[in-house]
Amino acid sequence: MVQERIIVGAKAAENSINANIIAKTLDYLTAYACKQTLIINFGRTSLEYRRFIF
């Protein structure tokens, strides 16, 4: 969690960001009562990210 505003999930997965990773991150949003999350995957050839705002 960054400044109690956003949850950042950093991954190094060879596969792309999938539904399981998204579901886990959305669970963190609920648990910590945050409104934003950023999932970053460094494991692929190019940087992959997803941002969710609620």
N, C-alpha and C. Protein backbone atom coordinates (compact mmCIF):
# COMPACT_ATOMS: atom_id res chain seq x y z
N MET A 1 0.85 -1.16 0.00
CA MET A 1 0.00 0.00 0.00
C MET A 1 0.91 1.24 0.00
N VAL A 2 0.55 2.21 -0.81
CA VAL A 2 1.33 3.43 -0.92
C VAL A 2 0.51 4.60 -0.38
N GLN A 3 1.01 5.25 0.65
CA GLN A 3 0.37 6.40 1.28
C GLN A 3 -1.11 6.16 1.61
N GLU A 4 -1.45 4.95 1.93
CA GLU A 4 -2.81 4.57 2.30
C GLU A 4 -3.84 4.95 1.24
N ARG A 5 -3.41 5.03 -0.02
CA ARG A 5 -4.32 5.41 -1.11
C ARG A 5 -4.40 4.38 -2.21
N ILE A 6 -3.30 3.72 -2.49
CA ILE A 6 -3.26 2.81 -3.64
C ILE A 6 -2.50 1.55 -3.26
N ILE A 7 -3.00 0.42 -3.74
CA ILE A 7 -2.32 -0.85 -3.55
C ILE A 7 -1.57 -1.15 -4.84
N VAL A 8 -0.28 -1.44 -4.70
CA VAL A 8 0.55 -1.77 -5.86
C VAL A 8 0.95 -3.24 -5.75
N GLY A 9 0.62 -4.00 -6.78
CA GLY A 9 1.01 -5.40 -6.84
C GLY A 9 2.08 -5.57 -7.90
N ALA A 10 3.29 -5.89 -7.49
CA ALA A 10 4.40 -6.08 -8.43
C ALA A 10 4.63 -7.57 -8.63
N LYS A 11 4.62 -8.01 -9.87
CA LYS A 11 4.79 -9.42 -10.22
C LYS A 11 5.95 -9.57 -11.18
N ALA A 12 6.52 -10.76 -11.23
CA ALA A 12 7.54 -11.10 -12.21
C ALA A 12 7.13 -12.42 -12.86
N ALA A 13 5.96 -12.44 -13.46
CA ALA A 13 5.39 -13.65 -14.05
C ALA A 13 5.63 -13.67 -15.55
N GLU A 14 5.98 -14.84 -16.07
CA GLU A 14 6.18 -14.97 -17.52
C GLU A 14 4.86 -14.86 -18.27
N ASN A 15 3.78 -15.28 -17.61
CA ASN A 15 2.45 -15.18 -18.22
C ASN A 15 1.88 -13.79 -17.97
N SER A 16 0.87 -13.45 -18.75
CA SER A 16 0.25 -12.13 -18.58
C SER A 16 -0.59 -12.09 -17.31
N ILE A 17 -1.01 -10.90 -16.95
CA ILE A 17 -1.88 -10.70 -15.79
C ILE A 17 -3.20 -11.40 -16.08
N ASN A 18 -3.56 -12.36 -15.23
CA ASN A 18 -4.76 -13.15 -15.49
C ASN A 18 -5.85 -12.88 -14.46
N ALA A 19 -6.95 -13.57 -14.61
CA ALA A 19 -8.12 -13.36 -13.74
C ALA A 19 -7.82 -13.66 -12.27
N ASN A 20 -6.97 -14.65 -12.00
CA ASN A 20 -6.63 -14.98 -10.61
C ASN A 20 -5.87 -13.85 -9.93
N ILE A 21 -4.92 -13.26 -10.63
CA ILE A 21 -4.15 -12.15 -10.08
C ILE A 21 -5.07 -10.95 -9.85
N ILE A 22 -5.95 -10.68 -10.80
CA ILE A 22 -6.89 -9.56 -10.66
C ILE A 22 -7.82 -9.79 -9.48
N ALA A 23 -8.36 -10.99 -9.34
CA ALA A 23 -9.28 -11.29 -8.24
C ALA A 23 -8.60 -11.12 -6.89
N LYS A 24 -7.37 -11.60 -6.76
CA LYS A 24 -6.64 -11.47 -5.51
C LYS A 24 -6.41 -10.00 -5.17
N THR A 25 -6.05 -9.22 -6.17
CA THR A 25 -5.80 -7.79 -5.94
C THR A 25 -7.08 -7.06 -5.57
N LEU A 26 -8.19 -7.41 -6.20
CA LEU A 26 -9.47 -6.79 -5.85
C LEU A 26 -9.91 -7.16 -4.43
N ASP A 27 -9.55 -8.36 -3.98
CA ASP A 27 -9.81 -8.74 -2.59
C ASP A 27 -9.03 -7.85 -1.63
N TYR A 28 -7.79 -7.52 -1.99
CA TYR A 28 -7.00 -6.60 -1.16
C TYR A 28 -7.66 -5.23 -1.09
N LEU A 29 -8.23 -4.78 -2.20
CA LEU A 29 -8.93 -3.49 -2.20
C LEU A 29 -10.05 -3.48 -1.17
N THR A 30 -10.81 -4.54 -1.15
CA THR A 30 -11.92 -4.64 -0.20
C THR A 30 -11.40 -4.71 1.23
N ALA A 31 -10.38 -5.51 1.46
CA ALA A 31 -9.86 -5.70 2.81
C ALA A 31 -9.27 -4.42 3.38
N TYR A 32 -8.61 -3.63 2.55
CA TYR A 32 -7.94 -2.41 3.03
C TYR A 32 -8.74 -1.14 2.75
N ALA A 33 -9.93 -1.28 2.20
CA ALA A 33 -10.81 -0.14 1.90
C ALA A 33 -10.11 0.91 1.05
N CYS A 34 -9.38 0.45 0.06
CA CYS A 34 -8.72 1.37 -0.89
C CYS A 34 -9.61 1.52 -2.12
N LYS A 35 -9.34 2.54 -2.90
CA LYS A 35 -10.13 2.78 -4.10
C LYS A 35 -9.34 2.60 -5.38
N GLN A 36 -8.01 2.42 -5.27
CA GLN A 36 -7.18 2.27 -6.46
C GLN A 36 -6.20 1.13 -6.28
N THR A 37 -5.91 0.47 -7.38
CA THR A 37 -4.87 -0.55 -7.38
C THR A 37 -4.13 -0.52 -8.71
N LEU A 38 -2.88 -0.89 -8.66
CA LEU A 38 -2.04 -0.97 -9.84
C LEU A 38 -1.31 -2.29 -9.80
N ILE A 39 -1.49 -3.11 -10.83
CA ILE A 39 -0.80 -4.39 -10.94
C ILE A 39 0.27 -4.23 -12.02
N ILE A 40 1.52 -4.51 -11.66
CA ILE A 40 2.63 -4.36 -12.59
C ILE A 40 3.30 -5.72 -12.76
N ASN A 41 3.51 -6.13 -14.00
CA ASN A 41 4.19 -7.38 -14.30
C ASN A 41 5.50 -7.07 -15.01
N PHE A 42 6.62 -7.37 -14.34
CA PHE A 42 7.95 -7.13 -14.89
C PHE A 42 8.52 -8.36 -15.59
N GLY A 43 7.80 -9.47 -15.58
CA GLY A 43 8.33 -10.73 -16.06
C GLY A 43 8.26 -10.95 -17.56
N ARG A 44 7.60 -10.10 -18.27
CA ARG A 44 7.46 -10.26 -19.72
C ARG A 44 8.49 -9.41 -20.45
N THR A 45 8.54 -9.58 -21.75
CA THR A 45 9.49 -8.81 -22.56
C THR A 45 9.24 -7.32 -22.43
N SER A 46 7.98 -6.91 -22.47
CA SER A 46 7.63 -5.51 -22.25
C SER A 46 6.80 -5.39 -20.97
N LEU A 47 6.88 -4.24 -20.36
CA LEU A 47 6.15 -4.01 -19.11
C LEU A 47 4.65 -4.12 -19.35
N GLU A 48 3.98 -4.80 -18.43
CA GLU A 48 2.52 -4.96 -18.51
C GLU A 48 1.93 -4.42 -17.21
N TYR A 49 0.86 -3.67 -17.31
CA TYR A 49 0.23 -3.16 -16.10
C TYR A 49 -1.28 -3.03 -16.30
N ARG A 50 -1.98 -3.05 -15.18
CA ARG A 50 -3.43 -2.84 -15.15
C ARG A 50 -3.72 -1.91 -13.99
N ARG A 51 -4.60 -0.96 -14.19
CA ARG A 51 -4.99 -0.03 -13.15
C ARG A 51 -6.50 -0.12 -12.96
N PHE A 52 -6.92 -0.21 -11.71
CA PHE A 52 -8.34 -0.27 -11.37
C PHE A 52 -8.66 0.85 -10.40
N ILE A 53 -9.76 1.56 -10.66
CA ILE A 53 -10.22 2.63 -9.79
C ILE A 53 -11.69 2.37 -9.46
N PHE A 54 -12.02 2.45 -8.16
CA PHE A 54 -13.40 2.23 -7.72
C PHE A 54 -13.89 3.40 -6.93
